């Protein structure tokens, strides 16, 4: 799949709104979007596509002033680059 054919991060991770320049830069990367688009239902990830899994994690991250940006970064990249 070419970069032009990739879905936007907002399509891959429903409800996602970048909160930093780093998040905007990461989510513009075709490699990250390919990772977010990958998936099929399996043990531990019944939601299938990685982006849906990431969306579920992001919804659970609270407003921790010192941790929020780190937790969001980990959620975005952890499963996307496996």
PDB file of N, CA and C in Angstrom:
ATOM      1  N   UNK A   1       0.861  -1.178   0.000  1.00  0.00           N
ATOM      2  CA  UNK A   1       0.000   0.000   0.000  1.00  0.00           C
ATOM      3  C   UNK A   1       0.901   1.233   0.000  1.00  0.00           C
ATOM      4  N   UNK A   2       0.636   2.153  -0.882  1.00  0.00           N
ATOM      5  CA  UNK A   2       1.444   3.366  -0.957  1.00  0.00           C
ATOM      6  C   UNK A   2       0.992   4.358   0.105  1.00  0.00           C
ATOM      7  N   UNK A   3       1.849   5.332   0.376  1.00  0.00           N
ATOM      8  CA  UNK A   3       1.529   6.350   1.381  1.00  0.00           C
ATOM      9  C   UNK A   3       0.250   7.099   1.003  1.00  0.00           C
ATOM     10  N   UNK A   4       0.034   7.296  -0.286  1.00  0.00           N
ATOM     11  CA  UNK A   4      -1.163   8.015  -0.727  1.00  0.00           C
ATOM     12  C   UNK A   4      -2.440   7.232  -0.454  1.00  0.00           C
ATOM     13  N   UNK A   5      -2.337   5.903  -0.417  1.00  0.00           N
ATOM     14  CA  UNK A   5      -3.502   5.055  -0.198  1.00  0.00           C
ATOM     15  C   UNK A   5      -3.822   4.850   1.282  1.00  0.00           C
ATOM     16  N   UNK A   6      -2.921   5.264   2.149  1.00  0.00           N
ATOM     17  CA  UNK A   6      -3.126   5.039   3.573  1.00  0.00           C
ATOM     18  C   UNK A   6      -4.263   5.893   4.111  1.00  0.00           C
ATOM     19  N   UNK A   7      -4.972   5.336   5.050  1.00  0.00           N
ATOM     20  CA  UNK A   7      -6.010   6.094   5.737  1.00  0.00           C
ATOM     21  C   UNK A   7      -5.363   7.142   6.634  1.00  0.00           C
ATOM     22  N   UNK A   8      -6.100   8.171   6.965  1.00  0.00           N
ATOM     23  CA  UNK A   8      -5.598   9.174   7.907  1.00  0.00           C
ATOM     24  C   UNK A   8      -5.588   8.570   9.307  1.00  0.00           C
ATOM     25  N   UNK A   9      -4.798   9.158  10.173  1.00  0.00           N
ATOM     26  CA  UNK A   9      -4.746   8.661  11.542  1.00  0.00           C
ATOM     27  C   UNK A   9      -6.102   8.809  12.217  1.00  0.00           C
ATOM     28  N   UNK A  10      -6.856   9.833  11.865  1.00  0.00           N
ATOM     29  CA  UNK A  10      -8.187  10.012  12.449  1.00  0.00           C
ATOM     30  C   UNK A  10      -9.136   8.887  12.036  1.00  0.00           C
ATOM     31  N   UNK A  11      -8.946   8.342  10.832  1.00  0.00           N
ATOM     32  CA  UNK A  11      -9.758   7.196  10.389  1.00  0.00           C
ATOM     33  C   UNK A  11      -9.291   5.911  11.061  1.00  0.00           C
ATOM     34  N   UNK A  12      -8.004   5.805  11.305  1.00  0.00           N
ATOM     35  CA  UNK A  12      -7.437   4.597  11.897  1.00  0.00           C
ATOM     36  C   UNK A  12      -7.631   4.531  13.410  1.00  0.00           C
ATOM     37  N   UNK A  13      -7.611   5.695  14.061  1.00  0.00           N
ATOM     38  CA  UNK A  13      -7.758   5.786  15.514  1.00  0.00           C
ATOM     39  C   UNK A  13      -8.937   6.726  15.793  1.00  0.00           C
ATOM     40  N   UNK A  14     -10.146   6.188  15.797  1.00  0.00           N
ATOM     41  CA  UNK A  14     -11.326   7.035  15.977  1.00  0.00           C
ATOM     42  C   UNK A  14     -11.237   7.896  17.242  1.00  0.00           C
ATOM     43  N   UNK A  15     -11.537   9.176  17.068  1.00  0.00           N
ATOM     44  CA  UNK A  15     -11.518  10.102  18.189  1.00  0.00           C
ATOM     45  C   UNK A  15     -10.160  10.730  18.460  1.00  0.00           C
ATOM     46  N   UNK A  16      -9.126  10.311  17.726  1.00  0.00           N
ATOM     47  CA  UNK A  16      -7.777  10.831  17.974  1.00  0.00           C
ATOM     48  C   UNK A  16      -7.657  12.278  17.533  1.00  0.00           C
ATOM     49  N   UNK A  17      -7.108  13.085  18.428  1.00  0.00           N
ATOM     50  CA  UNK A  17      -6.749  14.469  18.132  1.00  0.00           C
ATOM     51  C   UNK A  17      -5.343  14.657  18.689  1.00  0.00           C
ATOM     52  N   UNK A  18      -4.369  15.008  17.838  1.00  0.00           N
ATOM     53  CA  UNK A  18      -3.004  15.170  18.347  1.00  0.00           C
ATOM     54  C   UNK A  18      -2.925  16.274  19.394  1.00  0.00           C
ATOM     55  N   UNK A  19      -2.133  16.025  20.426  1.00  0.00           N
ATOM     56  CA  UNK A  19      -2.000  16.993  21.516  1.00  0.00           C
ATOM     57  C   UNK A  19      -0.622  17.639  21.564  1.00  0.00           C
ATOM     58  N   UNK A  20       0.266  17.279  20.635  1.00  0.00           N
ATOM     59  CA  UNK A  20       1.613  17.859  20.652  1.00  0.00           C
ATOM     60  C   UNK A  20       2.196  17.826  19.238  1.00  0.00           C
ATOM     61  N   UNK A  21       3.270  18.582  19.066  1.00  0.00           N
ATOM     62  CA  UNK A  21       3.980  18.551  17.782  1.00  0.00           C
ATOM     63  C   UNK A  21       4.535  17.159  17.516  1.00  0.00           C
ATOM     64  N   UNK A  22       5.004  16.474  18.562  1.00  0.00           N
ATOM     65  CA  UNK A  22       5.531  15.120  18.394  1.00  0.00           C
ATOM     66  C   UNK A  22       4.446  14.176  17.889  1.00  0.00           C
ATOM     67  N   UNK A  23       3.253  14.245  18.454  1.00  0.00           N
ATOM     68  CA  UNK A  23       2.153  13.397  17.986  1.00  0.00           C
ATOM     69  C   UNK A  23       1.795  13.710  16.538  1.00  0.00           C
ATOM     70  N   UNK A  24       1.789  14.999  16.174  1.00  0.00           N
ATOM     71  CA  UNK A  24       1.491  15.370  14.784  1.00  0.00           C
ATOM     72  C   UNK A  24       2.546  14.803  13.840  1.00  0.00           C
ATOM     73  N   UNK A  25       3.806  14.884  14.221  1.00  0.00           N
ATOM     74  CA  UNK A  25       4.885  14.361  13.375  1.00  0.00           C
ATOM     75  C   UNK A  25       4.801  12.840  13.260  1.00  0.00           C
ATOM     76  N   UNK A  26       4.593  12.156  14.363  1.00  0.00           N
ATOM     77  CA  UNK A  26       4.507  10.693  14.336  1.00  0.00           C
ATOM     78  C   UNK A  26       3.345  10.206  13.489  1.00  0.00           C
ATOM     79  N   UNK A  27       2.203  10.824  13.655  1.00  0.00           N
ATOM     80  CA  UNK A  27       1.015  10.342  12.954  1.00  0.00           C
ATOM     81  C   UNK A  27       1.025  10.714  11.477  1.00  0.00           C
ATOM     82  N   UNK A  28       1.939  11.565  11.073  1.00  0.00           N
ATOM     83  CA  UNK A  28       2.112  11.870   9.648  1.00  0.00           C
ATOM     84  C   UNK A  28       2.976  10.828   8.960  1.00  0.00           C
ATOM     85  N   UNK A  29       3.683  10.031   9.737  1.00  0.00           N
ATOM     86  CA  UNK A  29       4.601   9.029   9.177  1.00  0.00           C
ATOM     87  C   UNK A  29       3.829   7.851   8.589  1.00  0.00           C
ATOM     88  N   UNK A  30       4.078   7.523   7.314  1.00  0.00           N
ATOM     89  CA  UNK A  30       3.386   6.387   6.703  1.00  0.00           C
ATOM     90  C   UNK A  30       3.644   5.074   7.441  1.00  0.00           C
ATOM     91  N   UNK A  31       4.820   4.922   8.026  1.00  0.00           N
ATOM     92  CA  UNK A  31       5.143   3.680   8.739  1.00  0.00           C
ATOM     93  C   UNK A  31       4.219   3.490   9.943  1.00  0.00           C
ATOM     94  N   UNK A  32       3.953   4.574  10.655  1.00  0.00           N
ATOM     95  CA  UNK A  32       3.049   4.474  11.805  1.00  0.00           C
ATOM     96  C   UNK A  32       1.637   4.158  11.332  1.00  0.00           C
ATOM     97  N   UNK A  33       1.182   4.834  10.297  1.00  0.00           N
ATOM     98  CA  UNK A  33      -0.179   4.595   9.802  1.00  0.00           C
ATOM     99  C   UNK A  33      -0.332   3.176   9.260  1.00  0.00           C
ATOM    100  N   UNK A  34       0.700   2.626   8.636  1.00  0.00           N
ATOM    101  CA  UNK A  34       0.637   1.222   8.204  1.00  0.00           C
ATOM    102  C   UNK A  34       0.458   0.299   9.410  1.00  0.00           C
ATOM    103  N   UNK A  35       1.213   0.589  10.473  1.00  0.00           N
ATOM    104  CA  UNK A  35       1.088  -0.214  11.693  1.00  0.00           C
ATOM    105  C   UNK A  35      -0.284  -0.099  12.324  1.00  0.00           C
ATOM    106  N   UNK A  36      -0.846   1.099  12.319  1.00  0.00           N
ATOM    107  CA  UNK A  36      -2.181   1.301  12.889  1.00  0.00           C
ATOM    108  C   UNK A  36      -3.255   0.600  12.063  1.00  0.00           C
ATOM    109  N   UNK A  37      -3.020   0.443  10.771  1.00  0.00           N
ATOM    110  CA  UNK A  37      -3.999  -0.193   9.884  1.00  0.00           C
ATOM    111  C   UNK A  37      -3.934  -1.715   9.938  1.00  0.00           C
ATOM    112  N   UNK A  38      -2.819  -2.265  10.420  1.00  0.00           N
ATOM    113  CA  UNK A  38      -2.629  -3.711  10.415  1.00  0.00           C
ATOM    114  C   UNK A  38      -3.506  -4.370  11.468  1.00  0.00           C
ATOM    115  N   UNK A  39      -3.881  -5.598  11.212  1.00  0.00           N
ATOM    116  CA  UNK A  39      -4.504  -6.381  12.263  1.00  0.00           C
ATOM    117  C   UNK A  39      -5.638  -7.264  11.818  1.00  0.00           C
ATOM    118  N   UNK A  40      -5.886  -8.195  12.665  1.00  0.00           N
ATOM    119  CA  UNK A  40      -6.990  -9.126  12.547  1.00  0.00           C
ATOM    120  C   UNK A  40      -7.351  -9.519  13.975  1.00  0.00           C
ATOM    121  N   UNK A  41      -8.572  -9.956  14.236  1.00  0.00           N
ATOM    122  CA  UNK A  41      -8.924 -10.366  15.602  1.00  0.00           C
ATOM    123  C   UNK A  41      -8.014 -11.500  16.069  1.00  0.00           C
ATOM    124  N   UNK A  42      -7.492 -11.370  17.287  1.00  0.00           N
ATOM    125  CA  UNK A  42      -6.633 -12.400  17.863  1.00  0.00           C
ATOM    126  C   UNK A  42      -6.643 -12.250  19.384  1.00  0.00           C
ATOM    127  N   UNK A  43      -6.083 -13.228  20.062  1.00  0.00           N
ATOM    128  CA  UNK A  43      -6.044 -13.204  21.528  1.00  0.00           C
ATOM    129  C   UNK A  43      -5.350 -11.928  22.007  1.00  0.00           C
ATOM    130  N   UNK A  44      -5.986 -11.223  22.923  1.00  0.00           N
ATOM    131  CA  UNK A  44      -5.427  -9.993  23.469  1.00  0.00           C
ATOM    132  C   UNK A  44      -5.766  -8.758  22.667  1.00  0.00           C
ATOM    133  N   UNK A  45      -6.212  -8.938  21.419  1.00  0.00           N
ATOM    134  CA  UNK A  45      -6.574  -7.813  20.548  1.00  0.00           C
ATOM    135  C   UNK A  45      -7.843  -8.157  19.766  1.00  0.00           C
ATOM    136  N   UNK A  46      -8.959  -8.347  20.457  1.00  0.00           N
ATOM    137  CA  UNK A  46     -10.189  -8.740  19.766  1.00  0.00           C
ATOM    138  C   UNK A  46     -10.725  -7.656  18.834  1.00  0.00           C
ATOM    139  N   UNK A  47     -10.255  -6.409  19.010  1.00  0.00           N
ATOM    140  CA  UNK A  47     -10.746  -5.322  18.169  1.00  0.00           C
ATOM    141  C   UNK A  47     -10.134  -5.340  16.782  1.00  0.00           C
ATOM    142  N   UNK A  48      -9.191  -6.221  16.521  1.00  0.00           N
ATOM    143  CA  UNK A  48      -8.575  -6.435  15.207  1.00  0.00           C
ATOM    144  C   UNK A  48      -7.558  -5.364  14.871  1.00  0.00           C
ATOM    145  N   UNK A  49      -7.945  -4.342  14.142  1.00  0.00           N
ATOM    146  CA  UNK A  49      -6.994  -3.339  13.670  1.00  0.00           C
ATOM    147  C   UNK A  49      -6.294  -2.659  14.852  1.00  0.00           C
ATOM    148  N   UNK A  50      -4.988  -2.505  14.754  1.00  0.00           N
ATOM    149  CA  UNK A  50      -4.190  -1.905  15.819  1.00  0.00           C
ATOM    150  C   UNK A  50      -4.720  -0.520  16.187  1.00  0.00           C
ATOM    151  N   UNK A  51      -5.138   0.267  15.217  1.00  0.00           N
ATOM    152  CA  UNK A  51      -5.644   1.611  15.500  1.00  0.00           C
ATOM    153  C   UNK A  51      -6.845   1.611  16.421  1.00  0.00           C
ATOM    154  N   UNK A  52      -7.705   0.614  16.320  1.00  0.00           N
ATOM    155  CA  UNK A  52      -8.865   0.522  17.217  1.00  0.00           C
ATOM    156  C   UNK A  52      -8.412   0.191  18.634  1.00  0.00           C
ATOM    157  N   UNK A  53      -7.399  -0.651  18.753  1.00  0.00           N
ATOM    158  CA  UNK A  53      -6.811  -0.986  20.050  1.00  0.00           C
ATOM    159  C   UNK A  53      -6.198   0.276  20.676  1.00  0.00           C
ATOM    160  N   UNK A  54      -5.463   1.032  19.880  1.00  0.00           N
ATOM    161  CA  UNK A  54      -4.850   2.275  20.363  1.00  0.00           C
ATOM    162  C   UNK A  54      -5.927   3.264  20.798  1.00  0.00           C
ATOM    163  N   UNK A  55      -6.994   3.382  20.040  1.00  0.00           N
ATOM    164  CA  UNK A  55      -8.090   4.288  20.411  1.00  0.00           C
ATOM    165  C   UNK A  55      -8.660   3.928  21.779  1.00  0.00           C
ATOM    166  N   UNK A  56      -8.815   2.631  22.039  1.00  0.00           N
ATOM    167  CA  UNK A  56      -9.343   2.187  23.334  1.00  0.00           C
ATOM    168  C   UNK A  56      -8.380   2.558  24.466  1.00  0.00           C
ATOM    169  N   UNK A  57      -7.102   2.414  24.229  1.00  0.00           N
ATOM    170  CA  UNK A  57      -6.110   2.784  25.253  1.00  0.00           C
ATOM    171  C   UNK A  57      -6.140   4.293  25.492  1.00  0.00           C
ATOM    172  N   UNK A  58      -6.142   5.069  24.418  1.00  0.00           N
ATOM    173  CA  UNK A  58      -6.126   6.529  24.563  1.00  0.00           C
ATOM    174  C   UNK A  58      -7.332   7.038  25.341  1.00  0.00           C
ATOM    175  N   UNK A  59      -8.476   6.396  25.164  1.00  0.00           N
ATOM    176  CA  UNK A  59      -9.686   6.821  25.895  1.00  0.00           C
ATOM    177  C   UNK A  59      -9.528   6.626  27.402  1.00  0.00           C
ATOM    178  N   UNK A  60      -8.672   5.705  27.797  1.00  0.00           N
ATOM    179  CA  UNK A  60      -8.503   5.396  29.223  1.00  0.00           C
ATOM    180  C   UNK A  60      -7.431   6.250  29.904  1.00  0.00           C
ATOM    181  N   UNK A  61      -6.674   7.003  29.147  1.00  0.00           N
ATOM    182  CA  UNK A  61      -5.610   7.816  29.732  1.00  0.00           C
ATOM    183  C   UNK A  61      -6.226   9.079  30.320  1.00  0.00           C
ATOM    184  N   UNK A  62      -6.010   9.250  31.601  1.00  0.00           N
ATOM    185  CA  UNK A  62      -6.575  10.405  32.289  1.00  0.00           C
ATOM    186  C   UNK A  62      -5.741  11.666  32.085  1.00  0.00           C
ATOM    187  N   UNK A  63      -6.076  12.673  32.829  1.00  0.00           N
ATOM    188  CA  UNK A  63      -5.421  13.978  32.711  1.00  0.00           C
ATOM    189  C   UNK A  63      -4.259  14.082  33.694  1.00  0.00           C
ATOM    190  N   UNK A  64      -3.366  13.117  33.636  1.00  0.00           N
ATOM    191  CA  UNK A  64      -2.199  13.133  34.515  1.00  0.00           C
ATOM    192  C   UNK A  64      -1.197  14.171  33.991  1.00  0.00           C
ATOM    193  N   UNK A  65      -1.029  15.288  34.684  1.00  0.00           N
ATOM    194  CA  UNK A  65      -0.213  16.384  34.151  1.00  0.00           C
ATOM    195  C   UNK A  65       1.208  15.971  33.752  1.00  0.00           C
ATOM    196  N   UNK A  66       1.851  15.115  34.522  1.00  0.00           N
ATOM    197  CA  UNK A  66       3.242  14.773  34.224  1.00  0.00           C
ATOM    198  C   UNK A  66       3.385  13.513  33.386  1.00  0.00           C
ATOM    199  N   UNK A  67       2.341  12.742  33.228  1.00  0.00           N
ATOM    200  CA  UNK A  67       2.448  11.456  32.529  1.00  0.00           C
ATOM    201  C   UNK A  67       1.677  11.368  31.219  1.00  0.00           C
ATOM    202  N   UNK A  68       0.678  12.199  31.042  1.00  0.00           N
ATOM    203  CA  UNK A  68      -0.240  12.053  29.904  1.00  0.00           C
ATOM    204  C   UNK A  68       0.482  11.973  28.561  1.00  0.00           C
ATOM    205  N   UNK A  69       1.388  12.890  28.284  1.00  0.00           N
ATOM    206  CA  UNK A  69       2.048  12.887  26.970  1.00  0.00           C
ATOM    207  C   UNK A  69       2.886  11.629  26.783  1.00  0.00           C
ATOM    208  N   UNK A  70       3.552  11.154  27.831  1.00  0.00           N
ATOM    209  CA  UNK A  70       4.345   9.922  27.727  1.00  0.00           C
ATOM    210  C   UNK A  70       3.442   8.712  27.486  1.00  0.00           C
ATOM    211  N   UNK A  71       2.340   8.631  28.215  1.00  0.00           N
ATOM    212  CA  UNK A  71       1.415   7.508  28.050  1.00  0.00           C
ATOM    213  C   UNK A  71       0.818   7.484  26.644  1.00  0.00           C
ATOM    214  N   UNK A  72       0.485   8.646  26.108  1.00  0.00           N
ATOM    215  CA  UNK A  72      -0.068   8.726  24.751  1.00  0.00           C
ATOM    216  C   UNK A  72       0.972   8.290  23.718  1.00  0.00           C
ATOM    217  N   UNK A  73       2.204   8.717  23.896  1.00  0.00           N
ATOM    218  CA  UNK A  73       3.268   8.320  22.974  1.00  0.00           C
ATOM    219  C   UNK A  73       3.448   6.798  22.985  1.00  0.00           C
ATOM    220  N   UNK A  74       3.491   6.230  24.168  1.00  0.00           N
ATOM    221  CA  UNK A  74       3.629   4.771  24.285  1.00  0.00           C
ATOM    222  C   UNK A  74       2.454   4.073  23.618  1.00  0.00           C
ATOM    223  N   UNK A  75       1.243   4.561  23.832  1.00  0.00           N
ATOM    224  CA  UNK A  75       0.061   3.944  23.209  1.00  0.00           C
ATOM    225  C   UNK A  75       0.147   3.997  21.694  1.00  0.00           C
ATOM    226  N   UNK A  76       0.604   5.110  21.144  1.00  0.00           N
ATOM    227  CA  UNK A  76       0.676   5.257  19.685  1.00  0.00           C
ATOM    228  C   UNK A  76       1.701   4.338  19.036  1.00  0.00           C
ATOM    229  N   UNK A  77       2.844   4.173  19.663  1.00  0.00           N
ATOM    230  CA  UNK A  77       3.921   3.443  18.988  1.00  0.00           C
ATOM    231  C   UNK A  77       4.085   1.989  19.405  1.00  0.00           C
ATOM    232  N   UNK A  78       3.648   1.627  20.595  1.00  0.00           N
ATOM    233  CA  UNK A  78       3.927   0.286  21.112  1.00  0.00           C
ATOM    234  C   UNK A  78       3.470  -0.831  20.169  1.00  0.00           C
ATOM    235  N   UNK A  79       2.214  -0.891  19.859  1.00  0.00           N
ATOM    236  CA  UNK A  79       1.710  -1.963  18.990  1.00  0.00           C
ATOM    237  C   UNK A  79       1.867  -1.639  17.513  1.00  0.00           C
ATOM    238  N   UNK A  80       1.989  -0.373  17.180  1.00  0.00           N
ATOM    239  CA  UNK A  80       2.076   0.037  15.768  1.00  0.00           C
ATOM    240  C   UNK A  80       3.354  -0.413  15.088  1.00  0.00           C
ATOM    241  N   UNK A  81       4.410  -0.588  15.859  1.00  0.00           N
ATOM    242  CA  UNK A  81       5.699  -0.930  15.265  1.00  0.00           C
ATOM    243  C   UNK A  81       6.162  -2.345  15.598  1.00  0.00           C
ATOM    244  N   UNK A  82       5.244  -3.209  16.000  1.00  0.00           N
ATOM    245  CA  UNK A  82       5.627  -4.604  16.281  1.00  0.00           C
ATOM    246  C   UNK A  82       5.872  -5.356  15.006  1.00  0.00           C
TER     247      UNK A  82
END
